[in-house]
Each structure stands twice: as structure tokens, then as C-alpha cells.
Amino acid sequence: MTEPTEELIREVKQLIIQRLKLEEMTPEKMDTDAPLFGEGLGLDSIDALELVLGLEKEYGAIVSDAEQGKRVFQSVRTIAQFIVDQKGAA
């Protein structure tokens, strides 16, 4: 299994900041392994939909259902790993 690069992790952080308009946030402030929902960034289901659209548009990575979404959107690292895995499967 290929690990995501630091560059990809930074890109994912930028995607989250841009798509969700988190103006006070910077990639440096965002913890790569912190939860995105609940205690971490405190995202909600609307944010998840926006991230699904962003992943499809930027990386061609398709989140097929809610169960997969729960696994993918645990943290920045799990999103980056999902992108790497999707590219490998393509």
C-alpha cells in the first residue's frame, strides 16, 4: 500500500479550506490525523457533501456510499490515502 505524500496531504488540507471556506484556517494549523467531524474540525453532513464534490472534481475520486464516506472522511490522512488508493485502482 502506497502512503500519501506530504504534498498530497497539504493539497487535501487546501481543498478542505477552500471548499468549506475556512478563512481562519491554514494547512499548518490543521492536524493531519485529527477527526474532521465532531471534536476535530467540527464538520457536518453539508460539509461532507462539499468534500465529496471536491474530491470528484479535483482527483476523480468517487465516494460511492455513506459507509465508505465514514471511513474516508475520518481525517485528512484518510482522505489522502483514499485518493492514493483510487489512483492505484484506476
PDB file of N, CA and C in Angstrom:
ATOM      1  N   MET A   1       0.850  -1.184   0.000  1.00  0.00           N
ATOM      2  CA  MET A   1       0.000   0.000   0.000  1.00  0.00           C
ATOM      3  C   MET A   1       0.891   1.241   0.000  1.00  0.00           C
ATOM      4  N   THR A   2       0.669   2.118  -0.934  1.00  0.00           N
ATOM      5  CA  THR A   2       1.435   3.351  -1.042  1.00  0.00           C
ATOM      6  C   THR A   2       0.879   4.383  -0.070  1.00  0.00           C
ATOM      7  N   GLU A   3       1.774   5.031   0.641  1.00  0.00           N
ATOM      8  CA  GLU A   3       1.382   6.072   1.600  1.00  0.00           C
ATOM      9  C   GLU A   3       1.220   7.408   0.862  1.00  0.00           C
ATOM     10  N   PRO A   4       0.313   8.257   1.333  1.00  0.00           N
ATOM     11  CA  PRO A   4       0.180   9.584   0.713  1.00  0.00           C
ATOM     12  C   PRO A   4       1.415  10.439   1.001  1.00  0.00           C
ATOM     13  N   THR A   5       1.784  11.262   0.045  1.00  0.00           N
ATOM     14  CA  THR A   5       2.930  12.156   0.206  1.00  0.00           C
ATOM     15  C   THR A   5       2.536  13.373   1.036  1.00  0.00           C
ATOM     16  N   GLU A   6       3.538  14.042   1.583  1.00  0.00           N
ATOM     17  CA  GLU A   6       3.281  15.283   2.324  1.00  0.00           C
ATOM     18  C   GLU A   6       2.643  16.321   1.406  1.00  0.00           C
ATOM     19  N   GLU A   7       3.050  16.315   0.135  1.00  0.00           N
ATOM     20  CA  GLU A   7       2.473  17.255  -0.831  1.00  0.00           C
ATOM     21  C   GLU A   7       0.974  17.004  -1.005  1.00  0.00           C
ATOM     22  N   LEU A   8       0.582  15.731  -1.136  1.00  0.00           N
ATOM     23  CA  LEU A   8      -0.837  15.402  -1.286  1.00  0.00           C
ATOM     24  C   LEU A   8      -1.600  15.775  -0.023  1.00  0.00           C
ATOM     25  N   ILE A   9      -1.032  15.507   1.126  1.00  0.00           N
ATOM     26  CA  ILE A   9      -1.694  15.863   2.388  1.00  0.00           C
ATOM     27  C   ILE A   9      -1.930  17.372   2.446  1.00  0.00           C
ATOM     28  N   ARG A  10      -0.933  18.151   2.029  1.00  0.00           N
ATOM     29  CA  ARG A  10      -1.092  19.613   2.003  1.00  0.00           C
ATOM     30  C   ARG A  10      -2.189  20.017   1.010  1.00  0.00           C
ATOM     31  N   GLU A  11      -2.229  19.361  -0.158  1.00  0.00           N
ATOM     32  CA  GLU A  11      -3.278  19.648  -1.151  1.00  0.00           C
ATOM     33  C   GLU A  11      -4.661  19.362  -0.582  1.00  0.00           C
ATOM     34  N   VAL A  12      -4.808  18.257   0.143  1.00  0.00           N
ATOM     35  CA  VAL A  12      -6.097  17.899   0.744  1.00  0.00           C
ATOM     36  C   VAL A  12      -6.504  18.963   1.772  1.00  0.00           C
ATOM     37  N   LYS A  13      -5.536  19.410   2.574  1.00  0.00           N
ATOM     38  CA  LYS A  13      -5.834  20.473   3.545  1.00  0.00           C
ATOM     39  C   LYS A  13      -6.310  21.731   2.822  1.00  0.00           C
ATOM     40  N   GLN A  14      -5.629  22.093   1.726  1.00  0.00           N
ATOM     41  CA  GLN A  14      -6.030  23.271   0.939  1.00  0.00           C
ATOM     42  C   GLN A  14      -7.437  23.083   0.365  1.00  0.00           C
ATOM     43  N   LEU A  15      -7.721  21.892  -0.129  1.00  0.00           N
ATOM     44  CA  LEU A  15      -9.049  21.591  -0.676  1.00  0.00           C
ATOM     45  C   LEU A  15     -10.118  21.791   0.392  1.00  0.00           C
ATOM     46  N   ILE A  16      -9.872  21.271   1.586  1.00  0.00           N
ATOM     47  CA  ILE A  16     -10.835  21.422   2.680  1.00  0.00           C
ATOM     48  C   ILE A  16     -11.035  22.898   3.004  1.00  0.00           C
ATOM     49  N   ILE A  17      -9.942  23.638   3.129  1.00  0.00           N
ATOM     50  CA  ILE A  17     -10.023  25.063   3.466  1.00  0.00           C
ATOM     51  C   ILE A  17     -10.794  25.832   2.390  1.00  0.00           C
ATOM     52  N   GLN A  18     -10.479  25.567   1.119  1.00  0.00           N
ATOM     53  CA  GLN A  18     -11.141  26.293   0.024  1.00  0.00           C
ATOM     54  C   GLN A  18     -12.599  25.902  -0.130  1.00  0.00           C
ATOM     55  N   ARG A  19     -12.883  24.593  -0.164  1.00  0.00           N
ATOM     56  CA  ARG A  19     -14.262  24.134  -0.401  1.00  0.00           C
ATOM     57  C   ARG A  19     -15.203  24.553   0.729  1.00  0.00           C
ATOM     58  N   LEU A  20     -14.678  24.567   1.954  1.00  0.00           N
ATOM     59  CA  LEU A  20     -15.532  24.862   3.106  1.00  0.00           C
ATOM     60  C   LEU A  20     -15.379  26.304   3.589  1.00  0.00           C
ATOM     61  N   LYS A  21     -14.584  27.081   2.843  1.00  0.00           N
ATOM     62  CA  LYS A  21     -14.399  28.498   3.158  1.00  0.00           C
ATOM     63  C   LYS A  21     -13.998  28.720   4.622  1.00  0.00           C
ATOM     64  N   LEU A  22     -12.981  27.976   5.051  1.00  0.00           N
ATOM     65  CA  LEU A  22     -12.467  28.093   6.416  1.00  0.00           C
ATOM     66  C   LEU A  22     -11.385  29.181   6.426  1.00  0.00           C
ATOM     67  N   GLU A  23     -11.812  30.443   6.426  1.00  0.00           N
ATOM     68  CA  GLU A  23     -10.904  31.560   6.234  1.00  0.00           C
ATOM     69  C   GLU A  23      -9.856  31.705   7.325  1.00  0.00           C
ATOM     70  N   GLU A  24     -10.173  31.293   8.534  1.00  0.00           N
ATOM     71  CA  GLU A  24      -9.221  31.422   9.651  1.00  0.00           C
ATOM     72  C   GLU A  24      -8.208  30.275   9.677  1.00  0.00           C
ATOM     73  N   MET A  25      -8.429  29.241   8.900  1.00  0.00           N
ATOM     74  CA  MET A  25      -7.608  28.031   8.936  1.00  0.00           C
ATOM     75  C   MET A  25      -6.490  28.100   7.902  1.00  0.00           C
ATOM     76  N   THR A  26      -5.341  27.521   8.250  1.00  0.00           N
ATOM     77  CA  THR A  26      -4.242  27.350   7.305  1.00  0.00           C
ATOM     78  C   THR A  26      -3.847  25.876   7.327  1.00  0.00           C
ATOM     79  N   PRO A  27      -3.191  25.392   6.270  1.00  0.00           N
ATOM     80  CA  PRO A  27      -2.751  23.989   6.278  1.00  0.00           C
ATOM     81  C   PRO A  27      -1.874  23.666   7.488  1.00  0.00           C
ATOM     82  N   GLU A  28      -1.063  24.620   7.927  1.00  0.00           N
ATOM     83  CA  GLU A  28      -0.173  24.389   9.064  1.00  0.00           C
ATOM     84  C   GLU A  28      -0.946  24.199  10.369  1.00  0.00           C
ATOM     85  N   LYS A  29      -2.089  24.855  10.498  1.00  0.00           N
ATOM     86  CA  LYS A  29      -2.898  24.755  11.713  1.00  0.00           C
ATOM     87  C   LYS A  29      -3.720  23.466  11.757  1.00  0.00           C
ATOM     88  N   MET A  30      -3.946  22.853  10.586  1.00  0.00           N
ATOM     89  CA  MET A  30      -4.821  21.691  10.503  1.00  0.00           C
ATOM     90  C   MET A  30      -4.044  20.415  10.830  1.00  0.00           C
ATOM     91  N   ASP A  31      -4.513  19.673  11.829  1.00  0.00           N
ATOM     92  CA  ASP A  31      -3.879  18.424  12.240  1.00  0.00           C
ATOM     93  C   ASP A  31      -4.242  17.330  11.231  1.00  0.00           C
ATOM     94  N   THR A  32      -3.230  16.705  10.668  1.00  0.00           N
ATOM     95  CA  THR A  32      -3.424  15.686   9.634  1.00  0.00           C
ATOM     96  C   THR A  32      -4.235  14.500  10.135  1.00  0.00           C
ATOM     97  N   ASP A  33      -4.102  14.162  11.415  1.00  0.00           N
ATOM     98  CA  ASP A  33      -4.753  12.961  11.946  1.00  0.00           C
ATOM     99  C   ASP A  33      -5.947  13.250  12.857  1.00  0.00           C
ATOM    100  N   ALA A  34      -6.302  14.523  13.010  1.00  0.00           N
ATOM    101  CA  ALA A  34      -7.448  14.876  13.865  1.00  0.00           C
ATOM    102  C   ALA A  34      -8.755  14.517  13.169  1.00  0.00           C
ATOM    103  N   PRO A  35      -9.786  14.174  13.938  1.00  0.00           N
ATOM    104  CA  PRO A  35     -11.089  13.899  13.332  1.00  0.00           C
ATOM    105  C   PRO A  35     -11.618  15.142  12.611  1.00  0.00           C
ATOM    106  N   LEU A  36     -12.290  14.919  11.495  1.00  0.00           N
ATOM    107  CA  LEU A  36     -12.881  16.046  10.762  1.00  0.00           C
ATOM    108  C   LEU A  36     -14.267  16.385  11.296  1.00  0.00           C
ATOM    109  N   PHE A  37     -14.950  15.384  11.817  1.00  0.00           N
ATOM    110  CA  PHE A  37     -16.312  15.580  12.326  1.00  0.00           C
ATOM    111  C   PHE A  37     -16.280  15.489  13.845  1.00  0.00           C
ATOM    112  N   GLY A  38     -17.258  16.104  14.496  1.00  0.00           N
ATOM    113  CA  GLY A  38     -17.306  16.048  15.951  1.00  0.00           C
ATOM    114  C   GLY A  38     -16.243  16.940  16.568  1.00  0.00           C
ATOM    115  N   GLU A  39     -15.372  16.352  17.383  1.00  0.00           N
ATOM    116  CA  GLU A  39     -14.408  17.115  18.174  1.00  0.00           C
ATOM    117  C   GLU A  39     -13.336  17.825  17.348  1.00  0.00           C
ATOM    118  N   GLY A  40     -12.936  17.266  16.229  1.00  0.00           N
ATOM    119  CA  GLY A  40     -11.847  17.847  15.439  1.00  0.00           C
ATOM    120  C   GLY A  40     -12.223  19.184  14.826  1.00  0.00           C
ATOM    121  N   LEU A  41     -12.392  19.193  13.505  1.00  0.00           N
ATOM    122  CA  LEU A  41     -12.785  20.426  12.810  1.00  0.00           C
ATOM    123  C   LEU A  41     -14.264  20.751  13.002  1.00  0.00           C
ATOM    124  N   GLY A  42     -15.040  19.777  13.453  1.00  0.00           N
ATOM    125  CA  GLY A  42     -16.457  20.022  13.701  1.00  0.00           C
ATOM    126  C   GLY A  42     -17.290  20.138  12.439  1.00  0.00           C
ATOM    127  N   LEU A  43     -16.919  19.385  11.408  1.00  0.00           N
ATOM    128  CA  LEU A  43     -17.668  19.432  10.156  1.00  0.00           C
ATOM    129  C   LEU A  43     -19.014  18.732  10.304  1.00  0.00           C
ATOM    130  N   ASP A  44     -19.932  19.022   9.363  1.00  0.00           N
ATOM    131  CA  ASP A  44     -21.258  18.390   9.378  1.00  0.00           C
ATOM    132  C   ASP A  44     -21.542  17.726   8.032  1.00  0.00           C
ATOM    133  N   SER A  45     -22.751  17.214   7.864  1.00  0.00           N
ATOM    134  CA  SER A  45     -23.097  16.460   6.646  1.00  0.00           C
ATOM    135  C   SER A  45     -23.060  17.331   5.392  1.00  0.00           C
ATOM    136  N   ILE A  46     -23.395  18.594   5.502  1.00  0.00           N
ATOM    137  CA  ILE A  46     -23.307  19.506   4.346  1.00  0.00           C
ATOM    138  C   ILE A  46     -21.846  19.650   3.918  1.00  0.00           C
ATOM    139  N   ASP A  47     -20.956  19.786   4.910  1.00  0.00           N
ATOM    140  CA  ASP A  47     -19.522  19.856   4.622  1.00  0.00           C
ATOM    141  C   ASP A  47     -19.044  18.581   3.929  1.00  0.00           C
ATOM    142  N   ALA A  48     -19.556  17.438   4.383  1.00  0.00           N
ATOM    143  CA  ALA A  48     -19.164  16.156   3.770  1.00  0.00           C
ATOM    144  C   ALA A  48     -19.548  16.129   2.298  1.00  0.00           C
ATOM    145  N   LEU A  49     -20.739  16.598   1.970  1.00  0.00           N
ATOM    146  CA  LEU A  49     -21.171  16.630   0.568  1.00  0.00           C
ATOM    147  C   LEU A  49     -20.258  17.533  -0.257  1.00  0.00           C
ATOM    148  N   GLU A  50     -19.883  18.660   0.298  1.00  0.00           N
ATOM    149  CA  GLU A  50     -18.990  19.584  -0.396  1.00  0.00           C
ATOM    150  C   GLU A  50     -17.626  18.935  -0.640  1.00  0.00           C
ATOM    151  N   LEU A  51     -17.151  18.171   0.334  1.00  0.00           N
ATOM    152  CA  LEU A  51     -15.869  17.478   0.168  1.00  0.00           C
ATOM    153  C   LEU A  51     -15.965  16.355  -0.864  1.00  0.00           C
ATOM    154  N   VAL A  52     -17.088  15.651  -0.892  1.00  0.00           N
ATOM    155  CA  VAL A  52     -17.300  14.608  -1.911  1.00  0.00           C
ATOM    156  C   VAL A  52     -17.190  15.232  -3.303  1.00  0.00           C
ATOM    157  N   LEU A  53     -17.860  16.360  -3.499  1.00  0.00           N
ATOM    158  CA  LEU A  53     -17.808  17.042  -4.795  1.00  0.00           C
ATOM    159  C   LEU A  53     -16.387  17.500  -5.121  1.00  0.00           C
ATOM    160  N   GLY A  54     -15.687  18.012  -4.130  1.00  0.00           N
ATOM    161  CA  GLY A  54     -14.317  18.460  -4.335  1.00  0.00           C
ATOM    162  C   GLY A  54     -13.381  17.323  -4.723  1.00  0.00           C
ATOM    163  N   LEU A  55     -13.531  16.179  -4.074  1.00  0.00           N
ATOM    164  CA  LEU A  55     -12.685  15.015  -4.400  1.00  0.00           C
ATOM    165  C   LEU A  55     -12.948  14.525  -5.810  1.00  0.00           C
ATOM    166  N   GLU A  56     -14.227  14.514  -6.198  1.00  0.00           N
ATOM    167  CA  GLU A  56     -14.572  14.076  -7.554  1.00  0.00           C
ATOM    168  C   GLU A  56     -13.984  15.035  -8.586  1.00  0.00           C
ATOM    169  N   LYS A  57     -14.135  16.332  -8.345  1.00  0.00           N
ATOM    170  CA  LYS A  57     -13.685  17.335  -9.303  1.00  0.00           C
ATOM    171  C   LYS A  57     -12.157  17.381  -9.407  1.00  0.00           C
ATOM    172  N   GLU A  58     -11.477  17.398  -8.272  1.00  0.00           N
ATOM    173  CA  GLU A  58     -10.021  17.581  -8.260  1.00  0.00           C
ATOM    174  C   GLU A  58      -9.243  16.303  -8.550  1.00  0.00           C
ATOM    175  N   TYR A  59      -9.751  15.165  -8.081  1.00  0.00           N
ATOM    176  CA  TYR A  59      -8.975  13.929  -8.160  1.00  0.00           C
ATOM    177  C   TYR A  59      -9.679  12.784  -8.884  1.00  0.00           C
ATOM    178  N   GLY A  60     -10.939  12.985  -9.266  1.00  0.00           N
ATOM    179  CA  GLY A  60     -11.684  11.902  -9.894  1.00  0.00           C
ATOM    180  C   GLY A  60     -11.965  10.761  -8.935  1.00  0.00           C
ATOM    181  N   ALA A  61     -11.861  11.029  -7.639  1.00  0.00           N
ATOM    182  CA  ALA A  61     -12.083  10.013  -6.601  1.00  0.00           C
ATOM    183  C   ALA A  61     -13.557  10.009  -6.215  1.00  0.00           C
ATOM    184  N   ILE A  62     -14.202   8.875  -6.380  1.00  0.00           N
ATOM    185  CA  ILE A  62     -15.643   8.751  -6.150  1.00  0.00           C
ATOM    186  C   ILE A  62     -15.906   8.067  -4.808  1.00  0.00           C
ATOM    187  N   VAL A  63     -16.648   8.740  -3.935  1.00  0.00           N
ATOM    188  CA  VAL A  63     -17.112   8.138  -2.688  1.00  0.00           C
ATOM    189  C   VAL A  63     -18.482   7.549  -2.999  1.00  0.00           C
ATOM    190  N   SER A  64     -18.570   6.222  -2.994  1.00  0.00           N
ATOM    191  CA  SER A  64     -19.752   5.549  -3.530  1.00  0.00           C
ATOM    192  C   SER A  64     -20.957   5.503  -2.594  1.00  0.00           C
ATOM    193  N   ASP A  65     -20.733   5.527  -1.280  1.00  0.00           N
ATOM    194  CA  ASP A  65     -21.874   5.465  -0.363  1.00  0.00           C
ATOM    195  C   ASP A  65     -21.495   6.035   1.006  1.00  0.00           C
ATOM    196  N   ALA A  66     -22.480   6.121   1.886  1.00  0.00           N
ATOM    197  CA  ALA A  66     -22.272   6.732   3.201  1.00  0.00           C
ATOM    198  C   ALA A  66     -21.275   5.943   4.048  1.00  0.00           C
ATOM    199  N   GLU A  67     -21.316   4.621   3.968  1.00  0.00           N
ATOM    200  CA  GLU A  67     -20.372   3.804   4.740  1.00  0.00           C
ATOM    201  C   GLU A  67     -18.940   4.098   4.338  1.00  0.00           C
ATOM    202  N   GLN A  68     -18.707   4.152   3.029  1.00  0.00           N
ATOM    203  CA  GLN A  68     -17.368   4.474   2.545  1.00  0.00           C
ATOM    204  C   GLN A  68     -16.995   5.891   2.981  1.00  0.00           C
ATOM    205  N   GLY A  69     -17.939   6.800   2.898  1.00  0.00           N
ATOM    206  CA  GLY A  69     -17.702   8.178   3.314  1.00  0.00           C
ATOM    207  C   GLY A  69     -17.252   8.277   4.764  1.00  0.00           C
ATOM    208  N   LYS A  70     -17.855   7.485   5.647  1.00  0.00           N
ATOM    209  CA  LYS A  70     -17.458   7.496   7.064  1.00  0.00           C
ATOM    210  C   LYS A  70     -16.000   7.093   7.223  1.00  0.00           C
ATOM    211  N   ARG A  71     -15.558   6.123   6.435  1.00  0.00           N
ATOM    212  CA  ARG A  71     -14.156   5.687   6.509  1.00  0.00           C
ATOM    213  C   ARG A  71     -13.224   6.737   5.898  1.00  0.00           C
ATOM    214  N   VAL A  72     -13.614   7.278   4.742  1.00  0.00           N
ATOM    215  CA  VAL A  72     -12.771   8.227   4.010  1.00  0.00           C
ATOM    216  C   VAL A  72     -12.595   9.531   4.778  1.00  0.00           C
ATOM    217  N   PHE A  73     -13.659  10.046   5.359  1.00  0.00           N
ATOM    218  CA  PHE A  73     -13.634  11.374   5.965  1.00  0.00           C
ATOM    219  C   PHE A  73     -13.320  11.365   7.458  1.00  0.00           C
ATOM    220  N   GLN A  74     -12.546  10.389   7.911  1.00  0.00           N
ATOM    221  CA  GLN A  74     -12.135  10.371   9.321  1.00  0.00           C
ATOM    222  C   GLN A  74     -11.123  11.466   9.623  1.00  0.00           C
ATOM    223  N   SER A  75     -10.179  11.679   8.695  1.00  0.00           N
ATOM    224  CA  SER A  75      -9.118  12.673   8.907  1.00  0.00           C
ATOM    225  C   SER A  75      -8.558  13.093   7.550  1.00  0.00           C
ATOM    226  N   VAL A  76      -7.686  14.085   7.574  1.00  0.00           N
ATOM    227  CA  VAL A  76      -7.005  14.494   6.341  1.00  0.00           C
ATOM    228  C   VAL A  76      -6.215  13.313   5.782  1.00  0.00           C
ATOM    229  N   ARG A  77      -5.542  12.574   6.656  1.00  0.00           N
ATOM    230  CA  ARG A  77      -4.729  11.434   6.210  1.00  0.00           C
ATOM    231  C   ARG A  77      -5.586  10.364   5.525  1.00  0.00           C
ATOM    232  N   THR A  78      -6.783  10.076   6.065  1.00  0.00           N
ATOM    233  CA  THR A  78      -7.618   9.044   5.443  1.00  0.00           C
ATOM    234  C   THR A  78      -8.151   9.510   4.086  1.00  0.00           C
ATOM    235  N   ILE A  79      -8.384  10.804   3.928  1.00  0.00           N
ATOM    236  CA  ILE A  79      -8.794  11.330   2.613  1.00  0.00           C
ATOM    237  C   ILE A  79      -7.643  11.169   1.626  1.00  0.00           C
ATOM    238  N   ALA A  80      -6.443  11.568   2.045  1.00  0.00           N
ATOM    239  CA  ALA A  80      -5.270  11.453   1.170  1.00  0.00           C
ATOM    240  C   ALA A  80      -5.011   9.993   0.794  1.00  0.00           C
ATOM    241  N   GLN A  81      -5.165   9.079   1.757  1.00  0.00           N
ATOM    242  CA  GLN A  81      -4.967   7.658   1.473  1.00  0.00           C
ATOM    243  C   GLN A  81      -6.002   7.159   0.477  1.00  0.00           C
ATOM    244  N   PHE A  82      -7.236   7.629   0.606  1.00  0.00           N
ATOM    245  CA  PHE A  82      -8.300   7.262  -0.324  1.00  0.00           C
ATOM    246  C   PHE A  82      -7.943   7.704  -1.745  1.00  0.00           C
ATOM    247  N   ILE A  83      -7.415   8.916  -1.891  1.00  0.00           N
ATOM    248  CA  ILE A  83      -7.014   9.419  -3.209  1.00  0.00           C
ATOM    249  C   ILE A  83      -5.917   8.536  -3.802  1.00  0.00           C
ATOM    250  N   VAL A  84      -4.922   8.194  -2.985  1.00  0.00           N
ATOM    251  CA  VAL A  84      -3.822   7.321  -3.437  1.00  0.00           C
ATOM    252  C   VAL A  84      -4.380   5.963  -3.877  1.00  0.00           C
ATOM    253  N   ASP A  85      -5.273   5.400  -3.075  1.00  0.00           N
ATOM    254  CA  ASP A  85      -5.864   4.089  -3.383  1.00  0.00           C
ATOM    255  C   ASP A  85      -6.698   4.146  -4.658  1.00  0.00           C
ATOM    256  N   GLN A  86      -7.446   5.228  -4.854  1.00  0.00           N
ATOM    257  CA  GLN A  86      -8.270   5.385  -6.071  1.00  0.00           C
ATOM    258  C   GLN A  86      -7.394   5.477  -7.303  1.00  0.00           C
ATOM    259  N   LYS A  87      -6.303   6.232  -7.205  1.00  0.00           N
ATOM    260  CA  LYS A  87      -5.385   6.353  -8.345  1.00  0.00           C
ATOM    261  C   LYS A  87      -4.748   5.014  -8.665  1.00  0.00           C
ATOM    262  N   GLY A  88      -4.435   4.233  -7.620  1.00  0.00           N
ATOM    263  CA  GLY A  88      -3.839   2.920  -7.824  1.00  0.00           C
ATOM    264  C   GLY A  88      -4.797   1.947  -8.472  1.00  0.00           C
ATOM    265  N   ALA A  89      -6.081   2.089  -8.176  1.00  0.00           N
ATOM    266  CA  ALA A  89      -7.085   1.188  -8.724  1.00  0.00           C
ATOM    267  C   ALA A  89      -7.493   1.575 -10.145  1.00  0.00           C
ATOM    268  N   ALA A  90      -7.190   2.797 -10.544  1.00  0.00           N
ATOM    269  CA  ALA A  90      -7.601   3.292 -11.869  1.00  0.00           C
ATOM    270  C   ALA A  90      -6.785   2.673 -12.980  1.00  0.00           C
TER     271      ALA A  90
END
